[in-house]
Amino acid sequence: MSISSAVLLLLVVAVLAANYPWFSQKVFFVFSESRSGKPAWMRCLEWLLNFGLVLLFGLGLERKINGVIHAQQWEFFVVAFLFFMVLAMPGFIYHYDLSRYLRRYNKQRAAQQK
C-alpha cells in the first residue's frame, strides 16, 4: 500500500466515522435506540469513541507503511481532534438543522398539493 492510498483511506474512514453518530439511530453500530432516538450525550460519546478508533487506525497504517510509529506531542492530538470536529460538521448540521427544515418544507409542499 502506497502512502497516498493510505492517506486517502484514512481520510475516507475519518469522514465516515465522524458523521456516523449524527446520521444513525444505532448506538455503537449495533444496538437500536428507542423510537425517540439517541440522546445528544450518547451521540457525543459515540463520536469521541470514533475519534479514538480513527487515531488507532491511523497509527496502524503508519506502522504498516513505515515500520515504526513516530512520537507525537500534544499539539498533534489537538489538531487531529479539531480536524475530526470539522469533518463531523456536515452530519451535525444535517441532524440538528437541515433535517428539521426539510421535514417542515415537505409538510408545506404536501399541504399545498392538496
PDB file of N, CA and C in Angstrom:
ATOM      1  N   MET A   1       0.854  -1.173   0.000  1.00  0.00           N
ATOM      2  CA  MET A   1       0.000   0.000   0.000  1.00  0.00           C
ATOM      3  C   MET A   1       0.898   1.234   0.000  1.00  0.00           C
ATOM      4  N   SER A   2       0.620   2.136  -0.917  1.00  0.00           N
ATOM      5  CA  SER A   2       1.428   3.349  -1.003  1.00  0.00           C
ATOM      6  C   SER A   2       0.958   4.362   0.038  1.00  0.00           C
ATOM      7  N   ILE A   3       1.766   5.364   0.260  1.00  0.00           N
ATOM      8  CA  ILE A   3       1.440   6.386   1.252  1.00  0.00           C
ATOM      9  C   ILE A   3       0.211   7.177   0.823  1.00  0.00           C
ATOM     10  N   SER A   4       0.120   7.503  -0.458  1.00  0.00           N
ATOM     11  CA  SER A   4      -1.030   8.292  -0.920  1.00  0.00           C
ATOM     12  C   SER A   4      -2.339   7.517  -0.790  1.00  0.00           C
ATOM     13  N   SER A   5      -2.318   6.223  -1.072  1.00  0.00           N
ATOM     14  CA  SER A   5      -3.548   5.440  -0.911  1.00  0.00           C
ATOM     15  C   SER A   5      -3.892   5.255   0.570  1.00  0.00           C
ATOM     16  N   ALA A   6      -2.890   5.170   1.433  1.00  0.00           N
ATOM     17  CA  ALA A   6      -3.142   5.062   2.868  1.00  0.00           C
ATOM     18  C   ALA A   6      -3.747   6.349   3.417  1.00  0.00           C
ATOM     19  N   VAL A   7      -3.267   7.489   2.949  1.00  0.00           N
ATOM     20  CA  VAL A   7      -3.813   8.777   3.384  1.00  0.00           C
ATOM     21  C   VAL A   7      -5.254   8.920   2.915  1.00  0.00           C
ATOM     22  N   LEU A   8      -5.515   8.541   1.668  1.00  0.00           N
ATOM     23  CA  LEU A   8      -6.880   8.605   1.145  1.00  0.00           C
ATOM     24  C   LEU A   8      -7.805   7.678   1.923  1.00  0.00           C
ATOM     25  N   LEU A   9      -7.349   6.473   2.224  1.00  0.00           N
ATOM     26  CA  LEU A   9      -8.146   5.530   3.012  1.00  0.00           C
ATOM     27  C   LEU A   9      -8.434   6.082   4.405  1.00  0.00           C
ATOM     28  N   LEU A  10      -7.427   6.667   5.034  1.00  0.00           N
ATOM     29  CA  LEU A  10      -7.609   7.250   6.364  1.00  0.00           C
ATOM     30  C   LEU A  10      -8.601   8.409   6.337  1.00  0.00           C
ATOM     31  N   LEU A  11      -8.552   9.248   5.309  1.00  0.00           N
ATOM     32  CA  LEU A  11      -9.493  10.359   5.197  1.00  0.00           C
ATOM     33  C   LEU A  11     -10.924   9.865   4.993  1.00  0.00           C
ATOM     34  N   VAL A  12     -11.106   8.855   4.172  1.00  0.00           N
ATOM     35  CA  VAL A  12     -12.451   8.312   3.945  1.00  0.00           C
ATOM     36  C   VAL A  12     -12.998   7.709   5.231  1.00  0.00           C
ATOM     37  N   VAL A  13     -12.181   6.945   5.930  1.00  0.00           N
ATOM     38  CA  VAL A  13     -12.613   6.345   7.200  1.00  0.00           C
ATOM     39  C   VAL A  13     -12.927   7.436   8.222  1.00  0.00           C
ATOM     40  N   ALA A  14     -12.119   8.484   8.260  1.00  0.00           N
ATOM     41  CA  ALA A  14     -12.342   9.573   9.219  1.00  0.00           C
ATOM     42  C   ALA A  14     -13.647  10.309   8.924  1.00  0.00           C
ATOM     43  N   VAL A  15     -13.939  10.578   7.663  1.00  0.00           N
ATOM     44  CA  VAL A  15     -15.181  11.271   7.312  1.00  0.00           C
ATOM     45  C   VAL A  15     -16.386  10.414   7.686  1.00  0.00           C
ATOM     46  N   LEU A  16     -16.334   9.136   7.374  1.00  0.00           N
ATOM     47  CA  LEU A  16     -17.447   8.246   7.715  1.00  0.00           C
ATOM     48  C   LEU A  16     -17.621   8.119   9.227  1.00  0.00           C
ATOM     49  N   ALA A  17     -16.525   7.969   9.949  1.00  0.00           N
ATOM     50  CA  ALA A  17     -16.607   7.810  11.404  1.00  0.00           C
ATOM     51  C   ALA A  17     -17.053   9.089  12.093  1.00  0.00           C
ATOM     52  N   ALA A  18     -16.666  10.234  11.564  1.00  0.00           N
ATOM     53  CA  ALA A  18     -17.050  11.499  12.185  1.00  0.00           C
ATOM     54  C   ALA A  18     -18.532  11.790  12.007  1.00  0.00           C
ATOM     55  N   ASN A  19     -19.111  11.333  10.913  1.00  0.00           N
ATOM     56  CA  ASN A  19     -20.505  11.643  10.620  1.00  0.00           C
ATOM     57  C   ASN A  19     -21.476  10.551  11.027  1.00  0.00           C
ATOM     58  N   TYR A  20     -21.003   9.354  11.270  1.00  0.00           N
ATOM     59  CA  TYR A  20     -21.896   8.246  11.579  1.00  0.00           C
ATOM     60  C   TYR A  20     -22.808   8.507  12.786  1.00  0.00           C
ATOM     61  N   PRO A  21     -22.326   9.030  13.897  1.00  0.00           N
ATOM     62  CA  PRO A  21     -23.229   9.229  15.050  1.00  0.00           C
ATOM     63  C   PRO A  21     -24.389  10.172  14.759  1.00  0.00           C
ATOM     64  N   TRP A  22     -24.229  11.091  13.833  1.00  0.00           N
ATOM     65  CA  TRP A  22     -25.283  12.074  13.561  1.00  0.00           C
ATOM     66  C   TRP A  22     -26.319  11.540  12.583  1.00  0.00           C
ATOM     67  N   PHE A  23     -25.934  10.584  11.747  1.00  0.00           N
ATOM     68  CA  PHE A  23     -26.866  10.053  10.751  1.00  0.00           C
ATOM     69  C   PHE A  23     -27.588   8.796  11.213  1.00  0.00           C
ATOM     70  N   SER A  24     -27.029   8.068  12.142  1.00  0.00           N
ATOM     71  CA  SER A  24     -27.583   6.771  12.534  1.00  0.00           C
ATOM     72  C   SER A  24     -28.298   6.835  13.879  1.00  0.00           C
ATOM     73  N   GLN A  25     -29.313   6.009  14.031  1.00  0.00           N
ATOM     74  CA  GLN A  25     -30.007   5.880  15.307  1.00  0.00           C
ATOM     75  C   GLN A  25     -29.478   4.699  16.113  1.00  0.00           C
ATOM     76  N   LYS A  26     -28.547   3.941  15.556  1.00  0.00           N
ATOM     77  CA  LYS A  26     -27.957   2.819  16.288  1.00  0.00           C
ATOM     78  C   LYS A  26     -26.858   3.322  17.210  1.00  0.00           C
ATOM     79  N   VAL A  27     -26.761   2.691  18.371  1.00  0.00           N
ATOM     80  CA  VAL A  27     -25.751   3.063  19.356  1.00  0.00           C
ATOM     81  C   VAL A  27     -24.551   2.133  19.202  1.00  0.00           C
ATOM     82  N   PHE A  28     -23.384   2.707  18.994  1.00  0.00           N
ATOM     83  CA  PHE A  28     -22.136   1.962  18.829  1.00  0.00           C
ATOM     84  C   PHE A  28     -22.238   0.916  17.731  1.00  0.00           C
ATOM     85  N   PHE A  29     -22.878   1.260  16.633  1.00  0.00           N
ATOM     86  CA  PHE A  29     -23.000   0.444  15.432  1.00  0.00           C
ATOM     87  C   PHE A  29     -23.886  -0.794  15.581  1.00  0.00           C
ATOM     88  N   VAL A  30     -24.370  -1.104  16.767  1.00  0.00           N
ATOM     89  CA  VAL A  30     -25.057  -2.374  16.975  1.00  0.00           C
ATOM     90  C   VAL A  30     -26.436  -2.218  17.583  1.00  0.00           C
ATOM     91  N   PHE A  31     -26.535  -1.547  18.708  1.00  0.00           N
ATOM     92  CA  PHE A  31     -27.768  -1.509  19.488  1.00  0.00           C
ATOM     93  C   PHE A  31     -28.737  -0.474  18.935  1.00  0.00           C
ATOM     94  N   SER A  32     -29.993  -0.869  18.810  1.00  0.00           N
ATOM     95  CA  SER A  32     -31.015   0.075  18.365  1.00  0.00           C
ATOM     96  C   SER A  32     -31.543   0.855  19.558  1.00  0.00           C
ATOM     97  N   GLU A  33     -31.724   2.144  19.367  1.00  0.00           N
ATOM     98  CA  GLU A  33     -32.246   3.014  20.417  1.00  0.00           C
ATOM     99  C   GLU A  33     -33.760   3.063  20.287  1.00  0.00           C
ATOM    100  N   SER A  34     -34.408   3.586  21.297  1.00  0.00           N
ATOM    101  CA  SER A  34     -35.866   3.679  21.298  1.00  0.00           C
ATOM    102  C   SER A  34     -36.346   4.592  20.170  1.00  0.00           C
ATOM    103  N   ARG A  35     -37.651   4.686  20.016  1.00  0.00           N
ATOM    104  CA  ARG A  35     -38.232   5.495  18.941  1.00  0.00           C
ATOM    105  C   ARG A  35     -37.878   6.982  19.062  1.00  0.00           C
ATOM    106  N   SER A  36     -37.635   7.432  20.263  1.00  0.00           N
ATOM    107  CA  SER A  36     -37.327   8.858  20.441  1.00  0.00           C
ATOM    108  C   SER A  36     -35.941   9.215  19.915  1.00  0.00           C
ATOM    109  N   GLY A  37     -35.110   8.241  19.651  1.00  0.00           N
ATOM    110  CA  GLY A  37     -33.786   8.500  19.110  1.00  0.00           C
ATOM    111  C   GLY A  37     -32.726   8.559  20.189  1.00  0.00           C
ATOM    112  N   LYS A  38     -31.484   8.671  19.734  1.00  0.00           N
ATOM    113  CA  LYS A  38     -30.361   8.738  20.661  1.00  0.00           C
ATOM    114  C   LYS A  38     -30.321  10.106  21.306  1.00  0.00           C
ATOM    115  N   PRO A  39     -30.000  10.166  22.600  1.00  0.00           N
ATOM    116  CA  PRO A  39     -29.793  11.478  23.221  1.00  0.00           C
ATOM    117  C   PRO A  39     -28.482  12.100  22.737  1.00  0.00           C
ATOM    118  N   ALA A  40     -28.373  13.388  22.904  1.00  0.00           N
ATOM    119  CA  ALA A  40     -27.200  14.120  22.405  1.00  0.00           C
ATOM    120  C   ALA A  40     -25.913  13.646  23.087  1.00  0.00           C
ATOM    121  N   TRP A  41     -25.979  13.333  24.380  1.00  0.00           N
ATOM    122  CA  TRP A  41     -24.764  12.896  25.071  1.00  0.00           C
ATOM    123  C   TRP A  41     -24.273  11.566  24.513  1.00  0.00           C
ATOM    124  N   MET A  42     -25.198  10.711  24.080  1.00  0.00           N
ATOM    125  CA  MET A  42     -24.808   9.422  23.508  1.00  0.00           C
ATOM    126  C   MET A  42     -24.135   9.629  22.147  1.00  0.00           C
ATOM    127  N   ARG A  43     -24.650  10.582  21.376  1.00  0.00           N
ATOM    128  CA  ARG A  43     -24.026  10.887  20.086  1.00  0.00           C
ATOM    129  C   ARG A  43     -22.606  11.424  20.288  1.00  0.00           C
ATOM    130  N   CYS A  44     -22.422  12.291  21.272  1.00  0.00           N
ATOM    131  CA  CYS A  44     -21.088  12.850  21.539  1.00  0.00           C
ATOM    132  C   CYS A  44     -20.122  11.777  22.035  1.00  0.00           C
ATOM    133  N   LEU A  45     -20.605  10.892  22.891  1.00  0.00           N
ATOM    134  CA  LEU A  45     -19.771   9.802  23.382  1.00  0.00           C
ATOM    135  C   LEU A  45     -19.366   8.872  22.243  1.00  0.00           C
ATOM    136  N   GLU A  46     -20.305   8.581  21.385  1.00  0.00           N
ATOM    137  CA  GLU A  46     -20.021   7.743  20.226  1.00  0.00           C
ATOM    138  C   GLU A  46     -19.024   8.432  19.290  1.00  0.00           C
ATOM    139  N   TRP A  47     -19.177   9.734  19.126  1.00  0.00           N
ATOM    140  CA  TRP A  47     -18.258  10.495  18.282  1.00  0.00           C
ATOM    141  C   TRP A  47     -16.836  10.458  18.855  1.00  0.00           C
ATOM    142  N   LEU A  48     -16.711  10.609  20.177  1.00  0.00           N
ATOM    143  CA  LEU A  48     -15.384  10.544  20.816  1.00  0.00           C
ATOM    144  C   LEU A  48     -14.758   9.161  20.660  1.00  0.00           C
ATOM    145  N   LEU A  49     -15.572   8.131  20.798  1.00  0.00           N
ATOM    146  CA  LEU A  49     -15.062   6.773  20.601  1.00  0.00           C
ATOM    147  C   LEU A  49     -14.587   6.593  19.162  1.00  0.00           C
ATOM    148  N   ASN A  50     -15.335   7.110  18.225  1.00  0.00           N
ATOM    149  CA  ASN A  50     -14.927   7.022  16.819  1.00  0.00           C
ATOM    150  C   ASN A  50     -13.623   7.769  16.578  1.00  0.00           C
ATOM    151  N   PHE A  51     -13.430   8.896  17.254  1.00  0.00           N
ATOM    152  CA  PHE A  51     -12.171   9.634  17.139  1.00  0.00           C
ATOM    153  C   PHE A  51     -11.004   8.770  17.603  1.00  0.00           C
ATOM    154  N   GLY A  52     -11.181   8.102  18.733  1.00  0.00           N
ATOM    155  CA  GLY A  52     -10.128   7.215  19.224  1.00  0.00           C
ATOM    156  C   GLY A  52      -9.852   6.059  18.276  1.00  0.00           C
ATOM    157  N   LEU A  53     -10.897   5.495  17.699  1.00  0.00           N
ATOM    158  CA  LEU A  53     -10.716   4.386  16.761  1.00  0.00           C
ATOM    159  C   LEU A  53     -10.010   4.837  15.484  1.00  0.00           C
ATOM    160  N   VAL A  54     -10.325   6.033  15.012  1.00  0.00           N
ATOM    161  CA  VAL A  54      -9.649   6.554  13.820  1.00  0.00           C
ATOM    162  C   VAL A  54      -8.178   6.832  14.129  1.00  0.00           C
ATOM    163  N   LEU A  55      -7.882   7.340  15.319  1.00  0.00           N
ATOM    164  CA  LEU A  55      -6.474   7.530  15.701  1.00  0.00           C
ATOM    165  C   LEU A  55      -5.725   6.199  15.720  1.00  0.00           C
ATOM    166  N   LEU A  56      -6.338   5.182  16.290  1.00  0.00           N
ATOM    167  CA  LEU A  56      -5.692   3.866  16.315  1.00  0.00           C
ATOM    168  C   LEU A  56      -5.518   3.302  14.908  1.00  0.00           C
ATOM    169  N   PHE A  57      -6.511   3.501  14.056  1.00  0.00           N
ATOM    170  CA  PHE A  57      -6.407   3.061  12.669  1.00  0.00           C
ATOM    171  C   PHE A  57      -5.266   3.778  11.962  1.00  0.00           C
ATOM    172  N   GLY A  58      -5.127   5.082  12.193  1.00  0.00           N
ATOM    173  CA  GLY A  58      -4.033   5.853  11.597  1.00  0.00           C
ATOM    174  C   GLY A  58      -2.671   5.386  12.093  1.00  0.00           C
ATOM    175  N   LEU A  59      -2.591   5.088  13.383  1.00  0.00           N
ATOM    176  CA  LEU A  59      -1.327   4.565  13.925  1.00  0.00           C
ATOM    177  C   LEU A  59      -0.988   3.215  13.309  1.00  0.00           C
ATOM    178  N   GLY A  60      -2.006   2.385  13.118  1.00  0.00           N
ATOM    179  CA  GLY A  60      -1.781   1.089  12.476  1.00  0.00           C
ATOM    180  C   GLY A  60      -1.306   1.239  11.039  1.00  0.00           C
ATOM    181  N   LEU A  61      -1.897   2.169  10.301  1.00  0.00           N
ATOM    182  CA  LEU A  61      -1.435   2.414   8.932  1.00  0.00           C
ATOM    183  C   LEU A  61       0.007   2.922   8.920  1.00  0.00           C
ATOM    184  N   GLU A  62       0.335   3.811   9.849  1.00  0.00           N
ATOM    185  CA  GLU A  62       1.696   4.337   9.918  1.00  0.00           C
ATOM    186  C   GLU A  62       2.684   3.218  10.230  1.00  0.00           C
ATOM    187  N   ARG A  63       2.310   2.354  11.125  1.00  0.00           N
ATOM    188  CA  ARG A  63       3.183   1.222  11.490  1.00  0.00           C
ATOM    189  C   ARG A  63       3.374   0.280  10.304  1.00  0.00           C
ATOM    190  N   LYS A  64       2.292   0.058   9.550  1.00  0.00           N
ATOM    191  CA  LYS A  64       2.375  -0.847   8.410  1.00  0.00           C
ATOM    192  C   LYS A  64       3.252  -0.269   7.302  1.00  0.00           C
ATOM    193  N   ILE A  65       3.132   1.033   7.052  1.00  0.00           N
ATOM    194  CA  ILE A  65       3.870   1.649   5.950  1.00  0.00           C
ATOM    195  C   ILE A  65       5.320   1.933   6.328  1.00  0.00           C
ATOM    196  N   ASN A  66       5.536   2.542   7.499  1.00  0.00           N
ATOM    197  CA  ASN A  66       6.889   2.952   7.899  1.00  0.00           C
ATOM    198  C   ASN A  66       7.618   1.912   8.727  1.00  0.00           C
ATOM    199  N   GLY A  67       6.888   1.040   9.369  1.00  0.00           N
ATOM    200  CA  GLY A  67       7.527   0.062  10.244  1.00  0.00           C
ATOM    201  C   GLY A  67       7.729   0.580  11.657  1.00  0.00           C
ATOM    202  N   VAL A  68       7.436   1.853  11.888  1.00  0.00           N
ATOM    203  CA  VAL A  68       7.596   2.449  13.205  1.00  0.00           C
ATOM    204  C   VAL A  68       6.534   3.534  13.371  1.00  0.00           C
ATOM    205  N   ILE A  69       6.131   3.752  14.625  1.00  0.00           N
ATOM    206  CA  ILE A  69       5.193   4.824  14.919  1.00  0.00           C
ATOM    207  C   ILE A  69       5.988   5.984  15.505  1.00  0.00           C
ATOM    208  N   HIS A  70       5.928   7.125  14.848  1.00  0.00           N
ATOM    209  CA  HIS A  70       6.674   8.296  15.312  1.00  0.00           C
ATOM    210  C   HIS A  70       5.993   8.890  16.540  1.00  0.00           C
ATOM    211  N   ALA A  71       6.804   9.379  17.458  1.00  0.00           N
ATOM    212  CA  ALA A  71       6.280  10.021  18.667  1.00  0.00           C
ATOM    213  C   ALA A  71       5.661  11.368  18.296  1.00  0.00           C
ATOM    214  N   GLN A  72       4.534  11.671  18.926  1.00  0.00           N
ATOM    215  CA  GLN A  72       3.830  12.920  18.662  1.00  0.00           C
ATOM    216  C   GLN A  72       3.670  13.696  19.965  1.00  0.00           C
ATOM    217  N   GLN A  73       3.684  15.006  19.851  1.00  0.00           N
ATOM    218  CA  GLN A  73       3.445  15.863  21.001  1.00  0.00           C
ATOM    219  C   GLN A  73       1.957  16.139  21.125  1.00  0.00           C
ATOM    220  N   TRP A  74       1.549  16.849  22.160  1.00  0.00           N
ATOM    221  CA  TRP A  74       0.138  17.108  22.414  1.00  0.00           C
ATOM    222  C   TRP A  74      -0.496  17.942  21.316  1.00  0.00           C
ATOM    223  N   GLU A  75       0.298  18.779  20.647  1.00  0.00           N
ATOM    224  CA  GLU A  75      -0.240  19.633  19.591  1.00  0.00           C
ATOM    225  C   GLU A  75      -0.827  18.816  18.450  1.00  0.00           C
ATOM    226  N   PHE A  76      -0.192  17.708  18.131  1.00  0.00           N
ATOM    227  CA  PHE A  76      -0.690  16.840  17.070  1.00  0.00           C
ATOM    228  C   PHE A  76      -2.085  16.339  17.402  1.00  0.00           C
ATOM    229  N   PHE A  77      -2.299  15.918  18.629  1.00  0.00           N
ATOM    230  CA  PHE A  77      -3.591  15.365  19.010  1.00  0.00           C
ATOM    231  C   PHE A  77      -4.674  16.435  19.081  1.00  0.00           C
ATOM    232  N   VAL A  78      -4.310  17.650  19.456  1.00  0.00           N
ATOM    233  CA  VAL A  78      -5.284  18.750  19.460  1.00  0.00           C
ATOM    234  C   VAL A  78      -5.703  19.076  18.031  1.00  0.00           C
ATOM    235  N   VAL A  79      -4.750  19.150  17.127  1.00  0.00           N
ATOM    236  CA  VAL A  79      -5.068  19.441  15.724  1.00  0.00           C
ATOM    237  C   VAL A  79      -5.890  18.298  15.131  1.00  0.00           C
ATOM    238  N   ALA A  80      -5.544  17.066  15.441  1.00  0.00           N
ATOM    239  CA  ALA A  80      -6.318  15.922  14.938  1.00  0.00           C
ATOM    240  C   ALA A  80      -7.746  15.958  15.473  1.00  0.00           C
ATOM    241  N   PHE A  81      -7.918  16.311  16.744  1.00  0.00           N
ATOM    242  CA  PHE A  81      -9.249  16.414  17.334  1.00  0.00           C
ATOM    243  C   PHE A  81     -10.074  17.499  16.642  1.00  0.00           C
ATOM    244  N   LEU A  82      -9.474  18.655  16.424  1.00  0.00           N
ATOM    245  CA  LEU A  82     -10.187  19.751  15.763  1.00  0.00           C
ATOM    246  C   LEU A  82     -10.499  19.417  14.307  1.00  0.00           C
ATOM    247  N   PHE A  83      -9.596  18.730  13.632  1.00  0.00           N
ATOM    248  CA  PHE A  83      -9.862  18.300  12.255  1.00  0.00           C
ATOM    249  C   PHE A  83     -11.012  17.307  12.217  1.00  0.00           C
ATOM    250  N   PHE A  84     -11.049  16.389  13.170  1.00  0.00           N
ATOM    251  CA  PHE A  84     -12.150  15.426  13.253  1.00  0.00           C
ATOM    252  C   PHE A  84     -13.461  16.155  13.542  1.00  0.00           C
ATOM    253  N   MET A  85     -13.395  17.217  14.324  1.00  0.00           N
ATOM    254  CA  MET A  85     -14.589  18.024  14.609  1.00  0.00           C
ATOM    255  C   MET A  85     -15.088  18.704  13.335  1.00  0.00           C
ATOM    256  N   VAL A  86     -14.179  19.218  12.539  1.00  0.00           N
ATOM    257  CA  VAL A  86     -14.568  19.852  11.274  1.00  0.00           C
ATOM    258  C   VAL A  86     -15.175  18.823  10.327  1.00  0.00           C
ATOM    259  N   LEU A  87     -14.624  17.623  10.303  1.00  0.00           N
ATOM    260  CA  LEU A  87     -15.183  16.576   9.451  1.00  0.00           C
ATOM    261  C   LEU A  87     -16.600  16.189   9.866  1.00  0.00           C
ATOM    262  N   ALA A  88     -16.936  16.364  11.135  1.00  0.00           N
ATOM    263  CA  ALA A  88     -18.262  15.988  11.636  1.00  0.00           C
ATOM    264  C   ALA A  88     -19.322  17.055  11.394  1.00  0.00           C
ATOM    265  N   MET A  89     -18.929  18.221  10.932  1.00  0.00           N
ATOM    266  CA  MET A  89     -19.892  19.313  10.765  1.00  0.00           C
ATOM    267  C   MET A  89     -21.038  18.999   9.811  1.00  0.00           C
ATOM    268  N   PRO A  90     -20.829  18.345   8.666  1.00  0.00           N
ATOM    269  CA  PRO A  90     -21.980  18.052   7.800  1.00  0.00           C
ATOM    270  C   PRO A  90     -23.043  17.200   8.482  1.00  0.00           C
ATOM    271  N   GLY A  91     -22.631  16.178   9.195  1.00  0.00           N
ATOM    272  CA  GLY A  91     -23.594  15.334   9.899  1.00  0.00           C
ATOM    273  C   GLY A  91     -24.289  16.072  11.029  1.00  0.00           C
ATOM    274  N   PHE A  92     -23.541  16.888  11.747  1.00  0.00           N
ATOM    275  CA  PHE A  92     -24.107  17.664  12.846  1.00  0.00           C
ATOM    276  C   PHE A  92     -25.143  18.654  12.325  1.00  0.00           C
ATOM    277  N   ILE A  93     -24.809  19.365  11.263  1.00  0.00           N
ATOM    278  CA  ILE A  93     -25.742  20.335  10.679  1.00  0.00           C
ATOM    279  C   ILE A  93     -26.966  19.630  10.125  1.00  0.00           C
ATOM    280  N   TYR A  94     -26.767  18.496   9.472  1.00  0.00           N
ATOM    281  CA  TYR A  94     -27.916  17.765   8.942  1.00  0.00           C
ATOM    282  C   TYR A  94     -28.845  17.327  10.073  1.00  0.00           C
ATOM    283  N   HIS A  95     -28.278  16.783  11.130  1.00  0.00           N
ATOM    284  CA  HIS A  95     -29.106  16.239  12.206  1.00  0.00           C
ATOM    285  C   HIS A  95     -29.875  17.313  12.962  1.00  0.00           C
ATOM    286  N   TYR A  96     -29.221  18.412  13.296  1.00  0.00           N
ATOM    287  CA  TYR A  96     -29.852  19.405  14.153  1.00  0.00           C
ATOM    288  C   TYR A  96     -30.541  20.549  13.412  1.00  0.00           C
ATOM    289  N   ASP A  97     -30.183  20.827  12.180  1.00  0.00           N
ATOM    290  CA  ASP A  97     -30.783  21.948  11.468  1.00  0.00           C
ATOM    291  C   ASP A  97     -31.497  21.534  10.191  1.00  0.00           C
ATOM    292  N   LEU A  98     -30.790  20.897   9.303  1.00  0.00           N
ATOM    293  CA  LEU A  98     -31.310  20.636   7.969  1.00  0.00           C
ATOM    294  C   LEU A  98     -32.462  19.644   7.961  1.00  0.00           C
ATOM    295  N   SER A  99     -32.406  18.594   8.778  1.00  0.00           N
ATOM    296  CA  SER A  99     -33.481  17.598   8.767  1.00  0.00           C
ATOM    297  C   SER A  99     -34.801  18.211   9.232  1.00  0.00           C
ATOM    298  N   ARG A 100     -34.768  19.089  10.203  1.00  0.00           N
ATOM    299  CA  ARG A 100     -35.998  19.764  10.652  1.00  0.00           C
ATOM    300  C   ARG A 100     -36.547  20.674   9.564  1.00  0.00           C
ATOM    301  N   TYR A 101     -35.664  21.387   8.904  1.00  0.00           N
ATOM    302  CA  TYR A 101     -36.087  22.266   7.820  1.00  0.00           C
ATOM    303  C   TYR A 101     -36.717  21.454   6.687  1.00  0.00           C
ATOM    304  N   LEU A 102     -36.089  20.330   6.326  1.00  0.00           N
ATOM    305  CA  LEU A 102     -36.615  19.511   5.241  1.00  0.00           C
ATOM    306  C   LEU A 102     -37.970  18.900   5.601  1.00  0.00           C
ATOM    307  N   ARG A 103     -38.149  18.466   6.845  1.00  0.00           N
ATOM    308  CA  ARG A 103     -39.451  17.933   7.263  1.00  0.00           C
ATOM    309  C   ARG A 103     -40.535  19.005   7.166  1.00  0.00           C
ATOM    310  N   ARG A 104     -40.231  20.198   7.633  1.00  0.00           N
ATOM    311  CA  ARG A 104     -41.195  21.292   7.588  1.00  0.00           C
ATOM    312  C   ARG A 104     -41.500  21.670   6.137  1.00  0.00           C
ATOM    313  N   TYR A 105     -40.485  21.691   5.296  1.00  0.00           N
ATOM    314  CA  TYR A 105     -40.664  22.014   3.891  1.00  0.00           C
ATOM    315  C   TYR A 105     -41.536  20.970   3.192  1.00  0.00           C
ATOM    316  N   ASN A 106     -41.302  19.693   3.480  1.00  0.00           N
ATOM    317  CA  ASN A 106     -42.096  18.628   2.864  1.00  0.00           C
ATOM    318  C   ASN A 106     -43.548  18.672   3.331  1.00  0.00           C
ATOM    319  N   LYS A 107     -43.783  19.024   4.586  1.00  0.00           N
ATOM    320  CA  LYS A 107     -45.160  19.172   5.067  1.00  0.00           C
ATOM    321  C   LYS A 107     -45.871  20.312   4.351  1.00  0.00           C
ATOM    322  N   GLN A 108     -45.171  21.421   4.144  1.00  0.00           N
ATOM    323  CA  GLN A 108     -45.769  22.557   3.454  1.00  0.00           C
ATOM    324  C   GLN A 108     -46.080  22.218   1.998  1.00  0.00           C
ATOM    325  N   ARG A 109     -45.197  21.498   1.349  1.00  0.00           N
ATOM    326  CA  ARG A 109     -45.439  21.096  -0.041  1.00  0.00           C
ATOM    327  C   ARG A 109     -46.614  20.140  -0.135  1.00  0.00           C
ATOM    328  N   ALA A 110     -46.717  19.216   0.825  1.00  0.00           N
ATOM    329  CA  ALA A 110     -47.833  18.267   0.815  1.00  0.00           C
ATOM    330  C   ALA A 110     -49.149  18.998   1.048  1.00  0.00           C
ATOM    331  N   ALA A 111     -49.150  20.012   1.922  1.00  0.00           N
ATOM    332  CA  ALA A 111     -50.363  20.771   2.173  1.00  0.00           C
ATOM    333  C   ALA A 111     -50.756  21.609   0.946  1.00  0.00           C
ATOM    334  N   GLN A 112     -49.793  22.118   0.220  1.00  0.00           N
ATOM    335  CA  GLN A 112     -50.088  22.919  -0.969  1.00  0.00           C
ATOM    336  C   GLN A 112     -50.634  22.069  -2.110  1.00  0.00           C
ATOM    337  N   GLN A 113     -50.190  20.815  -2.195  1.00  0.00           N
ATOM    338  CA  GLN A 113     -50.635  19.956  -3.270  1.00  0.00           C
ATOM    339  C   GLN A 113     -52.061  19.452  -3.072  1.00  0.00           C
ATOM    340  N   LYS A 114     -52.564  19.483  -1.850  1.00  0.00           N
ATOM    341  CA  LYS A 114     -53.934  19.014  -1.584  1.00  0.00           C
ATOM    342  C   LYS A 114     -54.972  20.008  -1.955  1.00  0.00           C
TER     343      LYS A 114
END
